[in-house]
Amino acid sequence: MRSFTRLLCGVLLLSCSIASGDDATSAARDHYKRGSSLFDLGRFGEAAREFEAAYEAKNDPALLYNLGQAYRADGQYSKALVAYKAFLRKSDDASRRPDVEARITELQQLVEQQKSASSKPPTGTIPPKEVKEATPKSPPATSPALVVTASPERHETPVYKRWWLWTIVGVAAAGAATGIAVALTTPKDASIPNGATAVTFH
């Protein structure tokens, strides 16, 4: 009777383990499919989380490789290194080993560059120029558009200083002098020309 009970318990445990194994495989498969779809869409961080969940459900080294690929594409180089190194330890797939080793070397350099960049402050910055506040200018007393420059006063020249007045006076004086000279040189008894009528003035 005891032997039969032990046999029954063993069968039940085996059945449970097989069922749980099938569930884990199914869960790993589902996470892997979602991760692959997200990877194709370029959502690498989300794909990495799905590959992690798939590996937790089923320890398949291929999932570690996929995890490394997703982390590397997402720029998480330190996590990609961990996944690639774990793949080399767990996997017996010799065909992928050279490629993974090359990835590891490349990622180690990138991680060092990131550490160096984060530990050194940026140099070569340019300080801003001092900006002086502009002093507001007071408005002019008069608007420039209304400013009129007064022309200097024009002084009229007196008449006695005009050139044309003295020209007339000179011509008149010369004419008068000529008339007087002719009158003085003409004889009083000059004969009347033929055909002319004498006129006597009283």
N, C-alpha and C. Protein backbone atom coordinates (compact mmCIF):
# COMPACT_ATOMS: atom_id res chain seq x y z
N MET A 1 0.82 -1.20 0.00
CA MET A 1 0.00 0.00 0.00
C MET A 1 0.86 1.25 0.00
N ARG A 2 1.90 1.24 0.82
CA ARG A 2 2.79 2.39 0.87
C ARG A 2 3.50 2.59 -0.46
N SER A 3 3.89 1.52 -1.12
CA SER A 3 4.58 1.63 -2.41
C SER A 3 3.66 2.27 -3.44
N PHE A 4 2.41 1.91 -3.39
CA PHE A 4 1.47 2.47 -4.35
C PHE A 4 1.27 3.97 -4.11
N THR A 5 1.24 4.36 -2.82
CA THR A 5 1.07 5.79 -2.49
C THR A 5 2.26 6.59 -2.97
N ARG A 6 3.48 6.03 -2.76
CA ARG A 6 4.68 6.74 -3.20
C ARG A 6 4.70 6.87 -4.72
N LEU A 7 4.29 5.85 -5.41
CA LEU A 7 4.25 5.88 -6.87
C LEU A 7 3.26 6.93 -7.35
N LEU A 8 2.13 7.00 -6.70
CA LEU A 8 1.12 7.98 -7.08
C LEU A 8 1.62 9.41 -6.86
N CYS A 9 2.27 9.62 -5.76
CA CYS A 9 2.84 10.97 -5.48
C CYS A 9 3.89 11.36 -6.50
N GLY A 10 4.73 10.36 -6.89
CA GLY A 10 5.75 10.65 -7.89
C GLY A 10 5.14 11.02 -9.22
N VAL A 11 4.08 10.30 -9.61
CA VAL A 11 3.41 10.61 -10.88
C VAL A 11 2.81 12.00 -10.84
N LEU A 12 2.22 12.38 -9.71
CA LEU A 12 1.62 13.70 -9.58
C LEU A 12 2.67 14.81 -9.66
N LEU A 13 3.81 14.61 -8.99
CA LEU A 13 4.89 15.61 -9.03
C LEU A 13 5.45 15.78 -10.45
N LEU A 14 5.60 14.64 -11.15
CA LEU A 14 6.10 14.70 -12.52
C LEU A 14 5.12 15.44 -13.42
N SER A 15 3.84 15.17 -13.21
CA SER A 15 2.83 15.85 -14.02
C SER A 15 2.84 17.34 -13.77
N CYS A 16 3.01 17.70 -12.50
CA CYS A 16 3.05 19.14 -12.15
C CYS A 16 4.27 19.83 -12.76
N SER A 17 5.40 19.14 -12.69
CA SER A 17 6.62 19.74 -13.25
C SER A 17 6.52 19.90 -14.76
N ILE A 18 5.92 18.90 -15.43
CA ILE A 18 5.74 19.00 -16.88
C ILE A 18 4.80 20.16 -17.22
N ALA A 19 3.72 20.28 -16.41
CA ALA A 19 2.75 21.35 -16.66
C ALA A 19 3.40 22.71 -16.44
N SER A 20 4.18 22.82 -15.35
CA SER A 20 4.84 24.11 -15.09
C SER A 20 5.87 24.42 -16.16
N GLY A 21 6.55 23.36 -16.65
CA GLY A 21 7.52 23.59 -17.73
C GLY A 21 6.85 24.05 -18.99
N ASP A 22 5.70 23.49 -19.28
CA ASP A 22 4.96 23.94 -20.47
C ASP A 22 4.50 25.38 -20.31
N ASP A 23 4.06 25.75 -19.11
CA ASP A 23 3.63 27.12 -18.86
C ASP A 23 4.79 28.11 -19.03
N ALA A 24 5.98 27.72 -18.51
CA ALA A 24 7.15 28.60 -18.62
C ALA A 24 7.56 28.77 -20.07
N THR A 25 7.52 27.63 -20.80
CA THR A 25 7.88 27.72 -22.21
C THR A 25 6.90 28.60 -22.97
N SER A 26 5.63 28.47 -22.66
CA SER A 26 4.61 29.29 -23.31
C SER A 26 4.80 30.77 -22.99
N ALA A 27 5.11 31.06 -21.71
CA ALA A 27 5.32 32.45 -21.31
C ALA A 27 6.57 33.03 -21.99
N ALA A 28 7.64 32.21 -22.03
CA ALA A 28 8.86 32.68 -22.69
C ALA A 28 8.62 32.96 -24.16
N ARG A 29 7.83 32.08 -24.77
CA ARG A 29 7.53 32.25 -26.19
C ARG A 29 6.74 33.56 -26.43
N ASP A 30 5.80 33.83 -25.56
CA ASP A 30 4.99 35.05 -25.71
C ASP A 30 5.83 36.31 -25.55
N HIS A 31 6.68 36.32 -24.52
CA HIS A 31 7.55 37.48 -24.30
C HIS A 31 8.53 37.66 -25.46
N TYR A 32 9.04 36.54 -25.96
CA TYR A 32 9.98 36.61 -27.08
C TYR A 32 9.31 37.22 -28.32
N LYS A 33 8.07 36.79 -28.59
CA LYS A 33 7.36 37.33 -29.76
C LYS A 33 7.12 38.83 -29.62
N ARG A 34 6.69 39.25 -28.43
CA ARG A 34 6.47 40.68 -28.22
C ARG A 34 7.78 41.46 -28.32
N GLY A 35 8.85 40.90 -27.77
CA GLY A 35 10.16 41.56 -27.85
C GLY A 35 10.63 41.70 -29.28
N SER A 36 10.44 40.65 -30.08
CA SER A 36 10.86 40.71 -31.48
C SER A 36 10.08 41.77 -32.25
N SER A 37 8.77 41.87 -31.98
CA SER A 37 7.95 42.88 -32.65
C SER A 37 8.39 44.30 -32.27
N LEU A 38 8.66 44.51 -30.99
CA LEU A 38 9.11 45.82 -30.53
C LEU A 38 10.49 46.18 -31.09
N PHE A 39 11.35 45.17 -31.20
CA PHE A 39 12.68 45.40 -31.78
C PHE A 39 12.54 45.85 -33.23
N ASP A 40 11.64 45.19 -33.99
CA ASP A 40 11.43 45.57 -35.39
C ASP A 40 10.89 46.98 -35.51
N LEU A 41 10.15 47.44 -34.51
CA LEU A 41 9.57 48.79 -34.52
C LEU A 41 10.57 49.85 -34.04
N GLY A 42 11.76 49.41 -33.63
CA GLY A 42 12.75 50.36 -33.14
C GLY A 42 12.54 50.78 -31.70
N ARG A 43 11.67 50.12 -30.98
CA ARG A 43 11.43 50.40 -29.56
C ARG A 43 12.30 49.46 -28.73
N PHE A 44 13.61 49.75 -28.76
CA PHE A 44 14.60 48.79 -28.25
C PHE A 44 14.54 48.62 -26.73
N GLY A 45 14.27 49.68 -26.00
CA GLY A 45 14.18 49.56 -24.55
C GLY A 45 13.05 48.64 -24.12
N GLU A 46 11.89 48.78 -24.78
CA GLU A 46 10.76 47.91 -24.46
C GLU A 46 11.04 46.46 -24.88
N ALA A 47 11.72 46.31 -26.03
CA ALA A 47 12.08 44.96 -26.49
C ALA A 47 12.99 44.28 -25.49
N ALA A 48 13.94 45.04 -24.92
CA ALA A 48 14.86 44.46 -23.93
C ALA A 48 14.11 43.95 -22.71
N ARG A 49 13.10 44.69 -22.28
CA ARG A 49 12.33 44.23 -21.12
C ARG A 49 11.59 42.93 -21.40
N GLU A 50 11.07 42.79 -22.63
CA GLU A 50 10.38 41.55 -22.99
C GLU A 50 11.36 40.38 -23.06
N PHE A 51 12.55 40.62 -23.60
CA PHE A 51 13.55 39.54 -23.67
C PHE A 51 14.00 39.13 -22.26
N GLU A 52 14.09 40.09 -21.34
CA GLU A 52 14.42 39.76 -19.95
C GLU A 52 13.35 38.86 -19.34
N ALA A 53 12.09 39.23 -19.58
CA ALA A 53 10.99 38.42 -19.03
C ALA A 53 10.99 37.02 -19.64
N ALA A 54 11.33 36.94 -20.93
CA ALA A 54 11.38 35.63 -21.57
C ALA A 54 12.48 34.77 -20.97
N TYR A 55 13.64 35.39 -20.69
CA TYR A 55 14.76 34.61 -20.11
C TYR A 55 14.44 34.19 -18.68
N GLU A 56 13.73 35.04 -17.95
CA GLU A 56 13.33 34.66 -16.59
C GLU A 56 12.39 33.45 -16.62
N ALA A 57 11.55 33.37 -17.66
CA ALA A 57 10.64 32.23 -17.76
C ALA A 57 11.35 30.98 -18.23
N LYS A 58 12.33 31.14 -19.10
CA LYS A 58 13.05 29.97 -19.64
C LYS A 58 14.49 30.39 -19.94
N ASN A 59 15.45 29.77 -19.29
CA ASN A 59 16.86 30.14 -19.43
C ASN A 59 17.45 29.65 -20.75
N ASP A 60 17.06 30.28 -21.82
CA ASP A 60 17.60 29.93 -23.13
C ASP A 60 18.67 30.97 -23.49
N PRO A 61 19.95 30.54 -23.75
CA PRO A 61 21.02 31.49 -24.05
C PRO A 61 20.72 32.39 -25.25
N ALA A 62 19.90 31.91 -26.20
CA ALA A 62 19.56 32.74 -27.36
C ALA A 62 18.86 34.03 -26.93
N LEU A 63 18.10 33.94 -25.84
CA LEU A 63 17.43 35.14 -25.34
C LEU A 63 18.43 36.16 -24.79
N LEU A 64 19.57 35.68 -24.26
CA LEU A 64 20.61 36.60 -23.78
C LEU A 64 21.24 37.36 -24.95
N TYR A 65 21.41 36.68 -26.06
CA TYR A 65 21.95 37.34 -27.25
C TYR A 65 20.98 38.44 -27.72
N ASN A 66 19.69 38.08 -27.78
CA ASN A 66 18.69 39.06 -28.20
C ASN A 66 18.64 40.25 -27.22
N LEU A 67 18.81 39.95 -25.95
CA LEU A 67 18.82 41.01 -24.94
C LEU A 67 20.00 41.96 -25.16
N GLY A 68 21.17 41.40 -25.44
CA GLY A 68 22.34 42.23 -25.72
C GLY A 68 22.14 43.11 -26.94
N GLN A 69 21.53 42.53 -27.97
CA GLN A 69 21.27 43.30 -29.18
C GLN A 69 20.33 44.48 -28.90
N ALA A 70 19.29 44.24 -28.12
CA ALA A 70 18.33 45.29 -27.81
C ALA A 70 18.96 46.39 -26.97
N TYR A 71 19.74 46.02 -25.95
CA TYR A 71 20.39 47.03 -25.11
C TYR A 71 21.41 47.84 -25.91
N ARG A 72 22.16 47.19 -26.77
CA ARG A 72 23.16 47.90 -27.58
C ARG A 72 22.48 48.91 -28.51
N ALA A 73 21.37 48.49 -29.14
CA ALA A 73 20.65 49.40 -30.03
C ALA A 73 20.02 50.56 -29.27
N ASP A 74 19.70 50.33 -28.00
CA ASP A 74 19.08 51.38 -27.18
C ASP A 74 20.11 52.30 -26.54
N GLY A 75 21.39 52.03 -26.74
CA GLY A 75 22.44 52.87 -26.16
C GLY A 75 22.79 52.55 -24.73
N GLN A 76 22.26 51.45 -24.20
CA GLN A 76 22.58 51.03 -22.82
C GLN A 76 23.75 50.04 -22.88
N TYR A 77 24.94 50.58 -23.08
CA TYR A 77 26.09 49.76 -23.39
C TYR A 77 26.52 48.86 -22.23
N SER A 78 26.42 49.35 -21.01
CA SER A 78 26.83 48.52 -19.86
C SER A 78 25.95 47.28 -19.74
N LYS A 79 24.64 47.44 -19.90
CA LYS A 79 23.73 46.30 -19.81
C LYS A 79 23.93 45.36 -21.00
N ALA A 80 24.25 45.90 -22.15
CA ALA A 80 24.51 45.05 -23.32
C ALA A 80 25.74 44.19 -23.07
N LEU A 81 26.77 44.78 -22.45
CA LEU A 81 27.97 44.00 -22.12
C LEU A 81 27.63 42.82 -21.21
N VAL A 82 26.82 43.06 -20.20
CA VAL A 82 26.45 41.99 -19.27
C VAL A 82 25.74 40.86 -20.01
N ALA A 83 24.82 41.23 -20.91
CA ALA A 83 24.05 40.21 -21.63
C ALA A 83 24.94 39.41 -22.58
N TYR A 84 25.84 40.11 -23.30
CA TYR A 84 26.72 39.40 -24.24
C TYR A 84 27.67 38.44 -23.51
N LYS A 85 28.22 38.90 -22.39
CA LYS A 85 29.14 38.03 -21.63
C LYS A 85 28.41 36.82 -21.07
N ALA A 86 27.17 37.04 -20.62
CA ALA A 86 26.38 35.90 -20.12
C ALA A 86 26.09 34.92 -21.25
N PHE A 87 25.87 35.44 -22.43
CA PHE A 87 25.62 34.55 -23.58
C PHE A 87 26.84 33.67 -23.85
N LEU A 88 28.04 34.28 -23.80
CA LEU A 88 29.25 33.48 -24.05
C LEU A 88 29.42 32.39 -22.99
N ARG A 89 29.04 32.69 -21.74
CA ARG A 89 29.18 31.69 -20.69
C ARG A 89 28.16 30.55 -20.83
N LYS A 90 26.95 30.88 -21.25
CA LYS A 90 25.87 29.90 -21.26
C LYS A 90 25.73 29.15 -22.59
N SER A 91 26.16 29.77 -23.66
CA SER A 91 25.88 29.18 -24.98
C SER A 91 27.05 28.32 -25.46
N ASP A 92 26.71 27.27 -26.20
CA ASP A 92 27.74 26.46 -26.84
C ASP A 92 27.72 26.68 -28.36
N ASP A 93 27.07 27.80 -28.78
CA ASP A 93 26.99 28.12 -30.21
C ASP A 93 28.29 28.82 -30.62
N ALA A 94 29.22 28.03 -31.18
CA ALA A 94 30.53 28.58 -31.54
C ALA A 94 30.45 29.52 -32.74
N SER A 95 29.42 29.42 -33.56
CA SER A 95 29.34 30.25 -34.76
C SER A 95 29.14 31.73 -34.43
N ARG A 96 28.50 32.02 -33.33
CA ARG A 96 28.23 33.42 -32.96
C ARG A 96 29.32 34.00 -32.04
N ARG A 97 30.20 33.17 -31.53
CA ARG A 97 31.20 33.64 -30.57
C ARG A 97 32.10 34.76 -31.13
N PRO A 98 32.67 34.67 -32.35
CA PRO A 98 33.53 35.76 -32.85
C PRO A 98 32.78 37.10 -32.94
N ASP A 99 31.53 37.04 -33.40
CA ASP A 99 30.74 38.27 -33.53
C ASP A 99 30.48 38.88 -32.15
N VAL A 100 30.13 38.04 -31.18
CA VAL A 100 29.83 38.55 -29.85
C VAL A 100 31.08 39.11 -29.19
N GLU A 101 32.21 38.47 -29.39
CA GLU A 101 33.46 38.97 -28.81
C GLU A 101 33.83 40.33 -29.40
N ALA A 102 33.60 40.50 -30.70
CA ALA A 102 33.86 41.79 -31.33
C ALA A 102 32.93 42.87 -30.76
N ARG A 103 31.67 42.51 -30.53
CA ARG A 103 30.72 43.44 -29.94
C ARG A 103 31.16 43.86 -28.53
N ILE A 104 31.66 42.88 -27.79
CA ILE A 104 32.11 43.17 -26.42
C ILE A 104 33.27 44.15 -26.43
N THR A 105 34.24 43.95 -27.31
CA THR A 105 35.39 44.87 -27.41
C THR A 105 34.92 46.27 -27.76
N GLU A 106 34.01 46.37 -28.72
CA GLU A 106 33.49 47.68 -29.15
C GLU A 106 32.74 48.37 -28.00
N LEU A 107 31.92 47.59 -27.30
CA LEU A 107 31.13 48.17 -26.21
C LEU A 107 31.99 48.60 -25.03
N GLN A 108 33.07 47.86 -24.77
CA GLN A 108 33.95 48.25 -23.67
C GLN A 108 34.57 49.63 -23.94
N GLN A 109 34.93 49.89 -25.18
CA GLN A 109 35.48 51.20 -25.54
C GLN A 109 34.42 52.30 -25.38
N LEU A 110 33.21 51.98 -25.80
CA LEU A 110 32.14 52.97 -25.67
C LEU A 110 31.81 53.28 -24.21
N VAL A 111 31.84 52.25 -23.38
CA VAL A 111 31.58 52.46 -21.95
C VAL A 111 32.66 53.34 -21.33
N GLU A 112 33.92 53.11 -21.71
CA GLU A 112 35.02 53.93 -21.19
C GLU A 112 34.87 55.38 -21.63
N GLN A 113 34.47 55.57 -22.88
CA GLN A 113 34.26 56.94 -23.37
C GLN A 113 33.14 57.64 -22.60
N GLN A 114 32.07 56.90 -22.32
CA GLN A 114 30.97 57.48 -21.55
C GLN A 114 31.43 57.87 -20.13
N LYS A 115 32.20 56.99 -19.52
CA LYS A 115 32.69 57.29 -18.17
C LYS A 115 33.60 58.51 -18.19
N SER A 116 34.47 58.57 -19.19
CA SER A 116 35.40 59.71 -19.29
C SER A 116 34.64 61.01 -19.52
N ALA A 117 33.62 60.96 -20.36
CA ALA A 117 32.85 62.17 -20.65
C ALA A 117 32.06 62.63 -19.44
N SER A 118 31.55 61.69 -18.65
CA SER A 118 30.74 62.06 -17.49
C SER A 118 31.59 62.55 -16.33
N SER A 119 32.87 62.13 -16.28
CA SER A 119 33.73 62.52 -15.16
C SER A 119 34.42 63.86 -15.40
N LYS A 120 34.44 64.34 -16.64
CA LYS A 120 35.11 65.60 -16.95
C LYS A 120 34.05 66.65 -17.30
N PRO A 121 34.17 67.83 -16.68
CA PRO A 121 33.22 68.89 -17.04
C PRO A 121 33.52 69.40 -18.44
N PRO A 122 32.56 69.94 -19.11
CA PRO A 122 32.81 70.47 -20.45
C PRO A 122 33.76 71.66 -20.40
N THR A 123 34.62 71.75 -21.38
CA THR A 123 35.58 72.85 -21.46
C THR A 123 35.34 73.63 -22.73
N GLY A 124 35.97 74.81 -22.77
CA GLY A 124 35.87 75.62 -23.97
C GLY A 124 34.58 76.40 -24.08
N THR A 125 33.94 76.64 -22.93
CA THR A 125 32.72 77.43 -22.98
C THR A 125 33.05 78.91 -23.14
N ILE A 126 32.13 79.67 -23.65
CA ILE A 126 32.33 81.10 -23.88
C ILE A 126 31.43 81.87 -22.92
N PRO A 127 32.01 82.76 -22.08
CA PRO A 127 31.16 83.53 -21.16
C PRO A 127 30.33 84.54 -21.93
N PRO A 128 29.14 84.83 -21.46
CA PRO A 128 28.31 85.81 -22.17
C PRO A 128 28.88 87.21 -22.02
N LYS A 129 28.69 88.01 -23.02
CA LYS A 129 29.15 89.39 -22.96
C LYS A 129 28.29 90.18 -21.99
N GLU A 130 28.94 91.18 -21.34
CA GLU A 130 28.18 92.04 -20.44
C GLU A 130 27.24 92.91 -21.26
N VAL A 131 26.02 92.90 -20.88
CA VAL A 131 25.02 93.69 -21.60
C VAL A 131 24.69 94.89 -20.75
N LYS A 132 25.04 96.07 -21.23
CA LYS A 132 24.74 97.28 -20.51
C LYS A 132 23.35 97.75 -20.89
N GLU A 133 22.62 98.18 -19.85
CA GLU A 133 21.28 98.67 -20.12
C GLU A 133 21.37 100.01 -20.81
N ALA A 134 20.63 100.14 -21.87
CA ALA A 134 20.65 101.39 -22.62
C ALA A 134 19.95 102.48 -21.82
N THR A 135 20.62 103.67 -21.70
CA THR A 135 20.03 104.80 -21.00
C THR A 135 19.00 105.44 -21.89
N PRO A 136 17.76 105.57 -21.41
CA PRO A 136 16.74 106.17 -22.28
C PRO A 136 17.07 107.61 -22.58
N LYS A 137 16.98 107.99 -23.81
CA LYS A 137 17.28 109.34 -24.24
C LYS A 137 16.04 110.21 -24.06
N SER A 138 16.27 111.45 -23.53
CA SER A 138 15.13 112.36 -23.38
C SER A 138 14.74 112.89 -24.74
N PRO A 139 13.44 113.06 -24.96
CA PRO A 139 13.00 113.54 -26.27
C PRO A 139 13.46 114.97 -26.51
N PRO A 140 13.75 115.35 -27.73
CA PRO A 140 14.18 116.73 -28.02
C PRO A 140 13.07 117.71 -27.71
N ALA A 141 13.47 118.99 -27.44
CA ALA A 141 12.51 120.02 -27.09
C ALA A 141 11.51 120.25 -28.20
N THR A 142 11.97 120.16 -29.41
CA THR A 142 11.07 120.32 -30.55
C THR A 142 11.26 119.13 -31.46
N SER A 143 10.23 118.81 -32.15
CA SER A 143 10.29 117.69 -33.07
C SER A 143 11.20 118.03 -34.22
N PRO A 144 12.10 117.11 -34.64
CA PRO A 144 13.00 117.41 -35.76
C PRO A 144 12.25 117.78 -37.03
N ALA A 145 11.06 117.23 -37.17
CA ALA A 145 10.33 117.53 -38.40
C ALA A 145 9.82 118.96 -38.42
N LEU A 146 9.74 119.59 -37.21
CA LEU A 146 9.18 120.93 -37.14
C LEU A 146 10.26 122.00 -36.99
N VAL A 147 11.51 121.60 -36.91
CA VAL A 147 12.58 122.58 -36.73
C VAL A 147 12.80 123.31 -38.04
N VAL A 148 12.71 124.63 -38.00
CA VAL A 148 12.91 125.46 -39.19
C VAL A 148 14.03 126.42 -38.89
N THR A 149 15.02 126.43 -39.76
CA THR A 149 16.15 127.34 -39.59
C THR A 149 15.79 128.70 -40.17
N ALA A 150 15.82 129.71 -39.33
CA ALA A 150 15.45 131.06 -39.79
C ALA A 150 16.56 131.63 -40.65
N SER A 151 16.17 132.17 -41.77
CA SER A 151 17.16 132.78 -42.66
C SER A 151 17.54 134.15 -42.13
N PRO A 152 18.78 134.56 -42.32
CA PRO A 152 19.21 135.87 -41.81
C PRO A 152 18.40 137.00 -42.46
N GLU A 153 18.20 138.09 -41.69
CA GLU A 153 17.43 139.23 -42.19
C GLU A 153 18.15 139.89 -43.36
N ARG A 154 17.33 140.29 -44.34
CA ARG A 154 17.89 140.99 -45.51
C ARG A 154 17.74 142.49 -45.30
N HIS A 155 18.83 143.18 -45.37
CA HIS A 155 18.83 144.65 -45.20
C HIS A 155 18.74 145.29 -46.57
N GLU A 156 17.73 146.14 -46.74
CA GLU A 156 17.55 146.85 -48.01
C GLU A 156 18.64 147.91 -48.17
N THR A 157 19.22 147.98 -49.38
CA THR A 157 20.24 148.99 -49.67
C THR A 157 19.56 150.34 -49.94
N PRO A 158 20.02 151.40 -49.28
CA PRO A 158 19.39 152.73 -49.52
C PRO A 158 19.45 153.10 -51.00
N VAL A 159 18.48 153.95 -51.38
CA VAL A 159 18.37 154.33 -52.80
C VAL A 159 19.61 155.09 -53.26
N TYR A 160 20.16 155.91 -52.38
CA TYR A 160 21.29 156.73 -52.81
C TYR A 160 22.56 155.90 -53.04
N LYS A 161 22.48 154.60 -52.58
CA LYS A 161 23.64 153.74 -52.83
C LYS A 161 23.43 152.81 -54.03
N ARG A 162 22.31 152.93 -54.70
CA ARG A 162 22.03 152.09 -55.85
C ARG A 162 22.84 152.59 -57.04
N TRP A 163 23.37 151.65 -57.80
CA TRP A 163 24.21 152.04 -58.97
C TRP A 163 23.42 152.70 -60.08
N TRP A 164 22.21 152.21 -60.26
CA TRP A 164 21.43 152.73 -61.39
C TRP A 164 21.03 154.19 -61.18
N LEU A 165 20.85 154.63 -59.89
CA LEU A 165 20.50 156.03 -59.63
C LEU A 165 21.60 156.96 -60.09
N TRP A 166 22.81 156.62 -59.78
CA TRP A 166 23.94 157.49 -60.14
C TRP A 166 24.25 157.45 -61.62
N THR A 167 23.86 156.33 -62.26
CA THR A 167 24.02 156.28 -63.73
C THR A 167 23.09 157.29 -64.40
N ILE A 168 21.85 157.32 -63.91
CA ILE A 168 20.87 158.26 -64.48
C ILE A 168 21.30 159.70 -64.23
N VAL A 169 21.74 159.96 -63.01
CA VAL A 169 22.19 161.31 -62.66
C VAL A 169 23.35 161.73 -63.53
N GLY A 170 24.28 160.85 -63.80
CA GLY A 170 25.44 161.17 -64.63
C GLY A 170 25.04 161.47 -66.06
N VAL A 171 24.11 160.64 -66.60
CA VAL A 171 23.68 160.87 -67.98
C VAL A 171 22.95 162.21 -68.09
N ALA A 172 22.12 162.51 -67.10
CA ALA A 172 21.37 163.78 -67.13
C ALA A 172 22.32 164.96 -67.03
N ALA A 173 23.29 164.85 -66.15
CA ALA A 173 24.26 165.96 -65.99
C ALA A 173 25.05 166.17 -67.27
N ALA A 174 25.41 165.07 -67.91
CA ALA A 174 26.17 165.20 -69.17
C ALA A 174 25.31 165.86 -70.25
N GLY A 175 24.04 165.49 -70.30
CA GLY A 175 23.14 166.11 -71.30
C GLY A 175 22.94 167.59 -71.05
N ALA A 176 22.79 167.95 -69.80
CA ALA A 176 22.61 169.36 -69.46
C ALA A 176 23.84 170.16 -69.81
N ALA A 177 24.98 169.64 -69.50
CA ALA A 177 26.22 170.34 -69.81
C ALA A 177 26.38 170.53 -71.30
N THR A 178 26.00 169.54 -72.07
CA THR A 178 26.11 169.65 -73.53
C THR A 178 25.16 170.74 -74.05
N GLY A 179 23.95 170.79 -73.50
CA GLY A 179 22.97 171.80 -73.94
C GLY A 179 23.44 173.19 -73.64
N ILE A 180 24.00 173.37 -72.46
CA ILE A 180 24.50 174.69 -72.08
C ILE A 180 25.64 175.10 -73.00
N ALA A 181 26.49 174.16 -73.28
CA ALA A 181 27.64 174.49 -74.16
C ALA A 181 27.17 174.89 -75.55
N VAL A 182 26.18 174.22 -76.08
CA VAL A 182 25.66 174.55 -77.42
C VAL A 182 25.00 175.91 -77.42
N ALA A 183 24.25 176.20 -76.35
CA ALA A 183 23.58 177.50 -76.26
C ALA A 183 24.56 178.63 -76.19
N LEU A 184 25.61 178.44 -75.48
CA LEU A 184 26.60 179.49 -75.35
C LEU A 184 27.39 179.73 -76.63
N THR A 185 27.53 178.73 -77.43
CA THR A 185 28.34 178.89 -78.65
C THR A 185 27.49 179.28 -79.86
N THR A 186 26.18 179.34 -79.79
CA THR A 186 25.33 179.70 -80.93
C THR A 186 25.15 181.21 -80.98
N PRO A 187 25.42 181.98 -82.17
CA PRO A 187 25.24 183.45 -82.25
C PRO A 187 23.78 183.80 -82.25
N LYS A 188 23.46 184.97 -81.66
CA LYS A 188 22.09 185.40 -81.54
C LYS A 188 21.50 185.82 -82.88
N ASP A 189 22.27 186.30 -83.78
CA ASP A 189 21.79 186.78 -85.08
C ASP A 189 21.96 185.76 -86.18
N ALA A 190 21.92 184.62 -85.87
CA ALA A 190 22.09 183.57 -86.88
C ALA A 190 20.94 183.65 -87.86
N SER A 191 21.23 183.49 -89.10
CA SER A 191 20.23 183.60 -90.16
C SER A 191 19.30 182.43 -90.12
N ILE A 192 18.05 182.73 -90.55
CA ILE A 192 17.05 181.70 -90.57
C ILE A 192 17.19 180.96 -91.87
N PRO A 193 17.19 179.70 -91.86
CA PRO A 193 17.37 178.95 -93.10
C PRO A 193 16.24 179.26 -94.07
N ASN A 194 16.51 179.11 -95.38
CA ASN A 194 15.52 179.33 -96.43
C ASN A 194 14.33 178.44 -96.23
N GLY A 195 13.13 179.03 -96.41
CA GLY A 195 11.91 178.30 -96.29
C GLY A 195 11.40 178.20 -94.90
N ALA A 196 12.09 178.83 -93.96
CA ALA A 196 11.66 178.76 -92.56
C ALA A 196 11.01 180.07 -92.17
N THR A 197 10.18 180.10 -91.19
CA THR A 197 9.47 181.28 -90.71
C THR A 197 10.07 181.66 -89.38
N ALA A 198 10.36 182.91 -89.27
CA ALA A 198 10.94 183.40 -88.04
C ALA A 198 9.87 183.52 -87.01
N VAL A 199 10.20 183.22 -85.80
CA VAL A 199 9.26 183.30 -84.71
C VAL A 199 9.84 184.24 -83.68
N THR A 200 9.03 185.22 -83.30
CA THR A 200 9.50 186.18 -82.32
C THR A 200 8.84 185.86 -80.99
N PHE A 201 9.64 185.78 -79.99
CA PHE A 201 9.13 185.50 -78.63
C PHE A 201 9.06 186.79 -77.84
N HIS A 202 7.94 187.12 -77.28
CA HIS A 202 7.79 188.33 -76.46
C HIS A 202 7.87 187.96 -75.00
